[in-house]
Amino acid sequence: MAELTQVLNTFGDKFNAALKAMWLQKLGLLAEDNEAEALVDELLGLMQQQQLDYTNTFAALTAYCHQGTEVPEPLASSLGDWLARWQARIAGHKEQSAALMSAANPQVIPRNHRVEEVIADFERQGHSDKLAPLLAAIRNPYCLDPEHAYLQQPPEQGEDDSYQTFCGT
């Protein structure tokens, strides 16, 4: 019993360390320090305040690292000063940051409204032309084929408000 208690007592620290490492990777940050933690915390707060799409926000930041293009609007405006601080932080090691971020940030996820479209097609007509592109995109979610870019889009405002998921679905 003492061994189990000892293992359980270390879980919180191990979990928090893994969580910090994940956030650093998602933002392409090479070193953990107070500034890195502040960048993570502030971004998460901005995403919640601005109701930014999780997947698309990280996908856009990853694309910035790879392509060096500007972060698209309205995301850049939504992130404000945070964006400039993050860009300055990764400026000296953009290639390394891009590699870290590419491994941590999927470009597409199986969004509920897209899955429901496929299901509805099958219920109506016994097949769906939308299934193959969806499966192709989620088989390799870290590399987006431009023809599957539409799968990145969240549902329109109000379109998916009543949708509810449950554990195990």
Protein backbone atom coordinates (compact mmCIF):
# COMPACT_ATOMS: atom_id res chain seq x y z
CA MET A 1 0.00 0.00 0.00
CA ALA A 2 2.86 2.40 0.77
CA GLU A 3 4.29 1.84 -2.73
CA LEU A 4 0.95 2.67 -4.32
CA THR A 5 0.63 5.80 -2.20
CA GLN A 6 4.11 6.87 -3.22
CA VAL A 7 3.29 6.40 -6.92
CA LEU A 8 0.00 8.26 -6.56
CA ASN A 9 1.75 11.11 -4.75
CA THR A 10 4.08 11.65 -7.73
CA PHE A 11 1.31 11.59 -10.33
CA GLY A 12 0.40 15.28 -10.04
CA ASP A 13 3.95 16.46 -10.59
CA LYS A 14 4.47 14.10 -13.53
CA PHE A 15 1.18 15.13 -15.09
CA ASN A 16 1.93 18.84 -14.73
CA ALA A 17 5.42 18.39 -16.20
CA ALA A 18 3.97 16.53 -19.21
CA LEU A 19 1.30 19.20 -19.65
CA LYS A 20 3.90 21.98 -19.61
CA ALA A 21 6.02 20.09 -22.13
CA MET A 22 2.98 19.69 -24.40
CA TRP A 23 2.21 23.43 -24.31
CA LEU A 24 5.83 24.33 -25.01
CA GLN A 25 5.80 22.00 -28.02
CA LYS A 26 2.47 23.36 -29.31
CA LEU A 27 3.96 26.86 -29.28
CA GLY A 28 7.42 25.86 -30.52
CA LEU A 29 9.09 27.09 -27.34
CA LEU A 30 12.45 25.45 -26.70
CA ALA A 31 12.97 26.45 -23.08
CA GLU A 32 10.71 26.39 -20.07
CA ASP A 33 10.84 29.55 -18.02
CA ASN A 34 8.49 32.15 -16.57
CA GLU A 35 8.12 33.92 -19.91
CA ALA A 36 7.18 30.68 -21.67
CA GLU A 37 4.61 29.87 -19.00
CA ALA A 38 3.20 33.39 -19.28
CA LEU A 39 2.90 33.02 -23.08
CA VAL A 40 0.99 29.77 -22.69
CA ASP A 41 -1.32 31.13 -20.00
CA GLU A 42 -2.03 34.34 -21.86
CA LEU A 43 -2.74 32.54 -25.13
CA LEU A 44 -5.21 30.20 -23.47
CA GLY A 45 -6.94 33.17 -21.87
CA LEU A 46 -7.11 35.04 -25.19
CA MET A 47 -8.46 31.98 -26.95
CA GLN A 48 -11.23 31.69 -24.39
CA GLN A 49 -12.03 35.43 -24.37
CA GLN A 50 -12.01 35.73 -28.15
CA GLN A 51 -13.68 32.32 -28.64
CA LEU A 52 -10.88 31.27 -30.98
CA ASP A 53 -10.96 27.84 -32.53
CA TYR A 54 -8.36 25.68 -30.78
CA THR A 55 -7.23 23.60 -33.75
CA ASN A 56 -7.19 26.47 -36.25
CA THR A 57 -5.34 28.82 -33.91
CA PHE A 58 -2.48 26.37 -33.46
CA ALA A 59 -2.57 25.45 -37.16
CA ALA A 60 -2.17 29.13 -38.12
CA LEU A 61 0.72 29.61 -35.69
CA THR A 62 2.38 26.48 -37.09
CA ALA A 63 1.91 27.74 -40.67
CA TYR A 64 3.51 31.04 -39.68
CA CYS A 65 6.61 29.17 -38.47
CA HIS A 66 6.86 27.16 -41.67
CA GLN A 67 6.03 29.78 -44.23
CA GLY A 68 7.07 32.99 -42.53
CA THR A 69 3.88 34.62 -43.75
CA GLU A 70 1.82 36.78 -41.48
CA VAL A 71 -0.70 35.25 -39.13
CA PRO A 72 -4.06 35.75 -40.87
CA GLU A 73 -6.74 38.17 -39.75
CA PRO A 74 -8.81 38.21 -37.64
CA LEU A 75 -6.54 35.90 -35.61
CA ALA A 76 -3.64 38.37 -35.57
CA SER A 77 -5.87 41.11 -34.18
CA SER A 78 -7.40 38.75 -31.64
CA LEU A 79 -3.96 37.82 -30.32
CA GLY A 80 -2.73 41.43 -30.19
CA ASP A 81 0.51 42.03 -28.29
CA TRP A 82 0.79 38.35 -27.40
CA LEU A 83 1.56 37.55 -31.04
CA ALA A 84 4.52 39.96 -31.20
CA ARG A 85 5.99 38.56 -27.96
CA TRP A 86 5.63 34.98 -29.21
CA GLN A 87 7.16 35.86 -32.60
CA ALA A 88 10.12 37.50 -30.86
CA ARG A 89 10.54 34.45 -28.63
CA ILE A 90 10.81 31.99 -31.57
CA ALA A 91 12.64 34.33 -33.98
CA GLY A 92 16.08 32.80 -33.50
CA HIS A 93 14.96 29.19 -34.00
CA LYS A 94 11.96 29.23 -36.31
CA GLU A 95 12.87 25.96 -38.04
CA GLN A 96 13.12 24.08 -34.73
CA SER A 97 9.89 25.68 -33.56
CA ALA A 98 8.15 24.70 -36.80
CA ALA A 99 9.27 21.09 -36.39
CA LEU A 100 8.05 20.94 -32.79
CA MET A 101 4.74 22.54 -33.65
CA SER A 102 4.14 20.36 -36.70
CA ALA A 103 4.38 17.27 -34.53
CA ALA A 104 2.01 18.68 -31.89
CA ASN A 105 -0.64 20.59 -33.81
CA PRO A 106 -3.02 18.74 -36.13
CA GLN A 107 -4.21 20.75 -39.10
CA VAL A 108 -7.58 19.03 -39.22
CA ILE A 109 -9.73 17.13 -36.76
CA PRO A 110 -12.95 15.13 -37.25
CA ARG A 111 -15.37 17.93 -36.39
CA ASN A 112 -18.78 16.84 -35.16
CA HIS A 113 -20.73 18.69 -37.85
CA ARG A 114 -18.70 17.00 -40.63
CA VAL A 115 -19.14 13.55 -39.09
CA GLU A 116 -22.87 14.23 -38.71
CA GLU A 117 -23.08 15.20 -42.41
CA VAL A 118 -21.64 11.81 -43.35
CA ILE A 119 -24.01 9.99 -41.01
CA ALA A 120 -27.01 11.92 -42.36
CA ASP A 121 -26.01 11.04 -45.94
CA PHE A 122 -25.82 7.36 -45.03
CA GLU A 123 -29.20 7.50 -43.32
CA ARG A 124 -30.78 9.24 -46.33
CA GLN A 125 -29.11 7.50 -49.25
CA GLY A 126 -26.98 4.63 -47.94
CA HIS A 127 -23.67 6.24 -48.90
CA SER A 128 -21.78 9.53 -48.63
CA ASP A 129 -19.38 11.21 -51.00
CA LYS A 130 -18.11 13.13 -47.97
CA LEU A 131 -16.71 10.05 -46.22
CA ALA A 132 -13.59 9.48 -48.34
CA PRO A 133 -12.24 13.05 -48.02
CA LEU A 134 -12.95 13.06 -44.28
CA LEU A 135 -11.15 9.75 -43.76
CA ALA A 136 -8.23 10.85 -45.94
CA ALA A 137 -7.82 14.03 -43.90
CA ILE A 138 -8.01 12.36 -40.48
CA ARG A 139 -5.64 9.56 -41.49
CA ASN A 140 -2.90 12.18 -41.74
CA PRO A 141 -4.16 15.10 -39.62
CA TYR A 142 -0.78 16.84 -39.36
CA CYS A 143 -0.46 17.40 -43.12
CA LEU A 144 -3.39 19.11 -44.76
CA ASP A 145 -4.13 18.47 -48.41
CA PRO A 146 -5.39 21.80 -49.80
CA GLU A 147 -8.48 20.09 -51.21
CA HIS A 148 -9.45 19.14 -47.65
CA ALA A 149 -9.02 22.66 -46.23
CA TYR A 150 -12.79 23.04 -45.92
CA LEU A 151 -12.64 20.40 -43.15
CA GLN A 152 -10.76 22.87 -40.95
CA GLN A 153 -13.75 25.13 -40.65
CA PRO A 154 -15.80 24.97 -37.46
CA PRO A 155 -19.57 25.09 -37.78
CA GLU A 156 -21.16 28.42 -38.58
CA GLN A 157 -22.18 30.50 -35.56
CA GLY A 158 -25.43 29.08 -34.27
CA GLU A 159 -25.26 26.01 -36.54
CA ASP A 160 -23.95 23.62 -33.91
CA ASP A 161 -25.17 25.28 -30.70
CA SER A 162 -27.53 22.47 -29.69
CA TYR A 163 -25.06 19.67 -30.43
CA GLN A 164 -24.08 17.74 -27.33
CA THR A 165 -21.53 14.97 -26.96
CA PHE A 166 -21.06 12.53 -24.11
CA CYS A 167 -18.15 10.49 -22.83
CA GLY A 168 -17.71 7.42 -24.98
CA THR A 169 -19.25 8.91 -28.11
